[in-house]
């Protein structure tokens, strides 16, 4: 982790009580690690907003595979974005519904555009993008 620097944080007692309950719920051993994780989380979110930064993540969606032409459209979109797609996983949920998880890596804007294209298709019941950092720009 490298050299540590100790500093103080002032906050209202009520906020600290809520934060301590959060720490216990999330199984942190101390406030410092929880604060470090919250700072890292905000730095990662900042990377997402900078469209030229490389991010990694997943696009997860559920769809009705009986919808005409939907499967072909999904395949076309995936091939249009083959440079950003690392892997896909397909799961048959039941007779009518499928779940796909696409692992993606690329510029934040391109990944968001890919998720938006999928989400906008008729027959997509739910689509969620989860982006995270490659870790290159976040100190340990």
C-alpha atoms as a PDB file:
ATOM      1  CA  UNK A   1       0.000   0.000   0.000  1.00  0.00           C
ATOM      2  CA  UNK A   2       2.898   2.332   0.493  1.00  0.00           C
ATOM      3  CA  UNK A   3       3.339   5.157   2.946  1.00  0.00           C
ATOM      4  CA  UNK A   4       0.276   6.163   4.970  1.00  0.00           C
ATOM      5  CA  UNK A   5      -0.583   9.707   5.974  1.00  0.00           C
ATOM      6  CA  UNK A   6      -2.828  10.238   8.994  1.00  0.00           C
ATOM      7  CA  UNK A   7      -5.289  13.150   9.041  1.00  0.00           C
ATOM      8  CA  UNK A   8      -8.411  14.078  10.999  1.00  0.00           C
ATOM      9  CA  UNK A   9     -11.964  14.291   9.742  1.00  0.00           C
ATOM     10  CA  UNK A  10     -14.629  16.359  11.483  1.00  0.00           C
ATOM     11  CA  UNK A  11     -18.309  15.503  11.086  1.00  0.00           C
ATOM     12  CA  UNK A  12     -21.606  15.785  12.951  1.00  0.00           C
ATOM     13  CA  UNK A  13     -22.198  13.070  15.560  1.00  0.00           C
ATOM     14  CA  UNK A  14     -25.380  11.826  13.836  1.00  0.00           C
ATOM     15  CA  UNK A  15     -23.529  11.394  10.536  1.00  0.00           C
ATOM     16  CA  UNK A  16     -20.744   9.511  12.313  1.00  0.00           C
ATOM     17  CA  UNK A  17     -23.299   7.196  13.953  1.00  0.00           C
ATOM     18  CA  UNK A  18     -24.839   6.405  10.562  1.00  0.00           C
ATOM     19  CA  UNK A  19     -21.365   5.889   9.090  1.00  0.00           C
ATOM     20  CA  UNK A  20     -20.398   3.522  11.921  1.00  0.00           C
ATOM     21  CA  UNK A  21     -23.536   1.438  11.253  1.00  0.00           C
ATOM     22  CA  UNK A  22     -22.575   1.373   7.557  1.00  0.00           C
ATOM     23  CA  UNK A  23     -19.064   0.194   8.501  1.00  0.00           C
ATOM     24  CA  UNK A  24     -20.489  -2.615  10.650  1.00  0.00           C
ATOM     25  CA  UNK A  25     -22.989  -3.677   7.942  1.00  0.00           C
ATOM     26  CA  UNK A  26     -20.214  -3.813   5.336  1.00  0.00           C
ATOM     27  CA  UNK A  27     -17.839  -5.662   7.711  1.00  0.00           C
ATOM     28  CA  UNK A  28     -15.064  -3.076   7.657  1.00  0.00           C
ATOM     29  CA  UNK A  29     -12.566  -3.454  10.471  1.00  0.00           C
ATOM     30  CA  UNK A  30     -12.065   0.304  10.830  1.00  0.00           C
ATOM     31  CA  UNK A  31     -13.187   3.709   9.581  1.00  0.00           C
ATOM     32  CA  UNK A  32      -9.981   4.338   7.648  1.00  0.00           C
ATOM     33  CA  UNK A  33     -10.517   1.452   5.229  1.00  0.00           C
ATOM     34  CA  UNK A  34     -14.146   2.458   4.693  1.00  0.00           C
ATOM     35  CA  UNK A  35     -13.110   6.045   3.931  1.00  0.00           C
ATOM     36  CA  UNK A  36     -10.383   4.823   1.531  1.00  0.00           C
ATOM     37  CA  UNK A  37     -12.938   2.680  -0.324  1.00  0.00           C
ATOM     38  CA  UNK A  38     -15.408   5.559  -0.576  1.00  0.00           C
ATOM     39  CA  UNK A  39     -12.675   7.809  -1.983  1.00  0.00           C
ATOM     40  CA  UNK A  40     -11.660   5.129  -4.507  1.00  0.00           C
ATOM     41  CA  UNK A  41     -15.308   4.699  -5.509  1.00  0.00           C
ATOM     42  CA  UNK A  42     -15.637   8.419  -6.246  1.00  0.00           C
ATOM     43  CA  UNK A  43     -12.375   8.397  -8.232  1.00  0.00           C
ATOM     44  CA  UNK A  44     -13.696   5.488 -10.330  1.00  0.00           C
ATOM     45  CA  UNK A  45     -16.970   7.339 -10.946  1.00  0.00           C
ATOM     46  CA  UNK A  46     -14.906  10.306 -12.122  1.00  0.00           C
ATOM     47  CA  UNK A  47     -13.131   8.043 -14.637  1.00  0.00           C
ATOM     48  CA  UNK A  48     -16.524   7.039 -16.049  1.00  0.00           C
ATOM     49  CA  UNK A  49     -17.355  10.677 -16.747  1.00  0.00           C
ATOM     50  CA  UNK A  50     -14.116  11.197 -18.663  1.00  0.00           C
ATOM     51  CA  UNK A  51     -14.997   9.619 -22.001  1.00  0.00           C
ATOM     52  CA  UNK A  52     -11.353   9.222 -23.057  1.00  0.00           C
ATOM     53  CA  UNK A  53     -10.498   7.022 -20.042  1.00  0.00           C
ATOM     54  CA  UNK A  54     -10.438   3.259 -20.436  1.00  0.00           C
ATOM     55  CA  UNK A  55     -12.926   1.380 -18.262  1.00  0.00           C
ATOM     56  CA  UNK A  56     -13.962  -2.235 -17.882  1.00  0.00           C
ATOM     57  CA  UNK A  57     -17.370  -3.561 -16.970  1.00  0.00           C
ATOM     58  CA  UNK A  58     -20.386  -5.667 -17.765  1.00  0.00           C
ATOM     59  CA  UNK A  59     -23.581  -5.141 -19.671  1.00  0.00           C
ATOM     60  CA  UNK A  60     -26.251  -7.498 -18.358  1.00  0.00           C
ATOM     61  CA  UNK A  61     -29.621  -7.817 -20.025  1.00  0.00           C
ATOM     62  CA  UNK A  62     -32.714 -10.018 -20.084  1.00  0.00           C
ATOM     63  CA  UNK A  63     -34.779 -10.404 -23.203  1.00  0.00           C
ATOM     64  CA  UNK A  64     -37.622 -12.352 -24.771  1.00  0.00           C
ATOM     65  CA  UNK A  65     -35.981 -14.499 -27.422  1.00  0.00           C
ATOM     66  CA  UNK A  66     -39.319 -14.897 -29.254  1.00  0.00           C
ATOM     67  CA  UNK A  67     -39.254 -11.232 -30.342  1.00  0.00           C
ATOM     68  CA  UNK A  68     -38.746 -11.170 -34.079  1.00  0.00           C
ATOM     69  CA  UNK A  69     -35.309 -10.136 -35.258  1.00  0.00           C
ATOM     70  CA  UNK A  70     -34.102  -9.232 -31.746  1.00  0.00           C
ATOM     71  CA  UNK A  71     -31.447 -11.951 -31.616  1.00  0.00           C
ATOM     72  CA  UNK A  72     -30.101 -10.905 -35.023  1.00  0.00           C
ATOM     73  CA  UNK A  73     -29.992  -7.251 -33.935  1.00  0.00           C
ATOM     74  CA  UNK A  74     -28.116  -8.174 -30.744  1.00  0.00           C
ATOM     75  CA  UNK A  75     -25.554 -10.176 -32.717  1.00  0.00           C
ATOM     76  CA  UNK A  76     -25.109  -7.320 -35.207  1.00  0.00           C
ATOM     77  CA  UNK A  77     -24.557  -4.814 -32.389  1.00  0.00           C
ATOM     78  CA  UNK A  78     -22.035  -7.120 -30.722  1.00  0.00           C
ATOM     79  CA  UNK A  79     -20.120  -7.543 -33.980  1.00  0.00           C
ATOM     80  CA  UNK A  80     -20.181  -3.768 -34.517  1.00  0.00           C
ATOM     81  CA  UNK A  81     -18.446  -3.452 -31.119  1.00  0.00           C
ATOM     82  CA  UNK A  82     -16.111  -6.458 -31.273  1.00  0.00           C
ATOM     83  CA  UNK A  83     -13.166  -4.298 -30.204  1.00  0.00           C
ATOM     84  CA  UNK A  84     -14.862  -3.411 -26.895  1.00  0.00           C
ATOM     85  CA  UNK A  85     -16.330  -6.867 -26.171  1.00  0.00           C
ATOM     86  CA  UNK A  86     -14.035  -9.289 -24.363  1.00  0.00           C
ATOM     87  CA  UNK A  87     -16.524 -12.085 -23.719  1.00  0.00           C
ATOM     88  CA  UNK A  88     -20.222 -12.939 -23.636  1.00  0.00           C
ATOM     89  CA  UNK A  89     -22.183 -15.392 -21.503  1.00  0.00           C
ATOM     90  CA  UNK A  90     -25.650 -16.599 -22.525  1.00  0.00           C
ATOM     91  CA  UNK A  91     -28.091 -18.216 -20.078  1.00  0.00           C
ATOM     92  CA  UNK A  92     -31.521 -19.699 -20.848  1.00  0.00           C
ATOM     93  CA  UNK A  93     -33.694 -18.540 -17.934  1.00  0.00           C
ATOM     94  CA  UNK A  94     -36.849 -20.325 -19.060  1.00  0.00           C
ATOM     95  CA  UNK A  95     -38.636 -21.204 -22.297  1.00  0.00           C
ATOM     96  CA  UNK A  96     -39.121 -17.543 -23.242  1.00  0.00           C
ATOM     97  CA  UNK A  97     -36.353 -15.534 -21.591  1.00  0.00           C
ATOM     98  CA  UNK A  98     -32.584 -15.326 -21.898  1.00  0.00           C
ATOM     99  CA  UNK A  99     -29.956 -13.469 -19.923  1.00  0.00           C
ATOM    100  CA  UNK A 100     -26.718 -12.283 -21.479  1.00  0.00           C
ATOM    101  CA  UNK A 101     -23.694 -10.814 -19.762  1.00  0.00           C
ATOM    102  CA  UNK A 102     -21.154  -9.020 -21.932  1.00  0.00           C
ATOM    103  CA  UNK A 103     -17.738  -8.210 -20.489  1.00  0.00           C
ATOM    104  CA  UNK A 104     -16.511  -4.980 -22.050  1.00  0.00           C
ATOM    105  CA  UNK A 105     -13.359  -2.873 -22.045  1.00  0.00           C
ATOM    106  CA  UNK A 106     -12.825   0.454 -23.763  1.00  0.00           C
ATOM    107  CA  UNK A 107     -13.441   4.171 -23.556  1.00  0.00           C
ATOM    108  CA  UNK A 108     -16.256   5.060 -21.166  1.00  0.00           C
ATOM    109  CA  UNK A 109     -18.333   6.821 -23.830  1.00  0.00           C
ATOM    110  CA  UNK A 110     -18.104   3.875 -26.242  1.00  0.00           C
ATOM    111  CA  UNK A 111     -19.143   1.420 -23.521  1.00  0.00           C
ATOM    112  CA  UNK A 112     -22.072   3.646 -22.512  1.00  0.00           C
ATOM    113  CA  UNK A 113     -23.140   3.945 -26.172  1.00  0.00           C
ATOM    114  CA  UNK A 114     -23.043   0.154 -26.572  1.00  0.00           C
ATOM    115  CA  UNK A 115     -25.226  -0.327 -23.479  1.00  0.00           C
ATOM    116  CA  UNK A 116     -27.642   2.352 -24.708  1.00  0.00           C
ATOM    117  CA  UNK A 117     -27.966   0.651 -28.107  1.00  0.00           C
ATOM    118  CA  UNK A 118     -28.842  -2.648 -26.457  1.00  0.00           C
ATOM    119  CA  UNK A 119     -31.190  -1.061 -23.913  1.00  0.00           C
ATOM    120  CA  UNK A 120     -33.169   0.717 -26.634  1.00  0.00           C
ATOM    121  CA  UNK A 121     -34.036  -2.465 -28.559  1.00  0.00           C
ATOM    122  CA  UNK A 122     -37.644  -3.616 -28.506  1.00  0.00           C
ATOM    123  CA  UNK A 123     -37.816  -6.865 -26.550  1.00  0.00           C
ATOM    124  CA  UNK A 124     -35.085  -6.008 -24.040  1.00  0.00           C
ATOM    125  CA  UNK A 125     -36.822  -6.364 -20.671  1.00  0.00           C
ATOM    126  CA  UNK A 126     -33.972  -5.062 -18.522  1.00  0.00           C
ATOM    127  CA  UNK A 127     -30.450  -3.833 -19.264  1.00  0.00           C
ATOM    128  CA  UNK A 128     -27.858  -2.663 -16.773  1.00  0.00           C
ATOM    129  CA  UNK A 129     -24.341  -1.353 -17.273  1.00  0.00           C
ATOM    130  CA  UNK A 130     -21.825  -1.775 -14.470  1.00  0.00           C
ATOM    131  CA  UNK A 131     -18.519  -0.022 -15.124  1.00  0.00           C
ATOM    132  CA  UNK A 132     -15.418  -0.139 -13.006  1.00  0.00           C
ATOM    133  CA  UNK A 133     -11.818   0.914 -13.326  1.00  0.00           C
ATOM    134  CA  UNK A 134      -8.966  -0.958 -14.932  1.00  0.00           C
ATOM    135  CA  UNK A 135      -7.117  -0.029 -11.738  1.00  0.00           C
ATOM    136  CA  UNK A 136      -4.327   1.808 -13.527  1.00  0.00           C
ATOM    137  CA  UNK A 137      -5.295   5.243 -12.208  1.00  0.00           C
ATOM    138  CA  UNK A 138      -6.419   4.337  -8.686  1.00  0.00           C
ATOM    139  CA  UNK A 139      -3.769   4.240  -5.950  1.00  0.00           C
ATOM    140  CA  UNK A 140      -3.861   1.171  -3.676  1.00  0.00           C
END
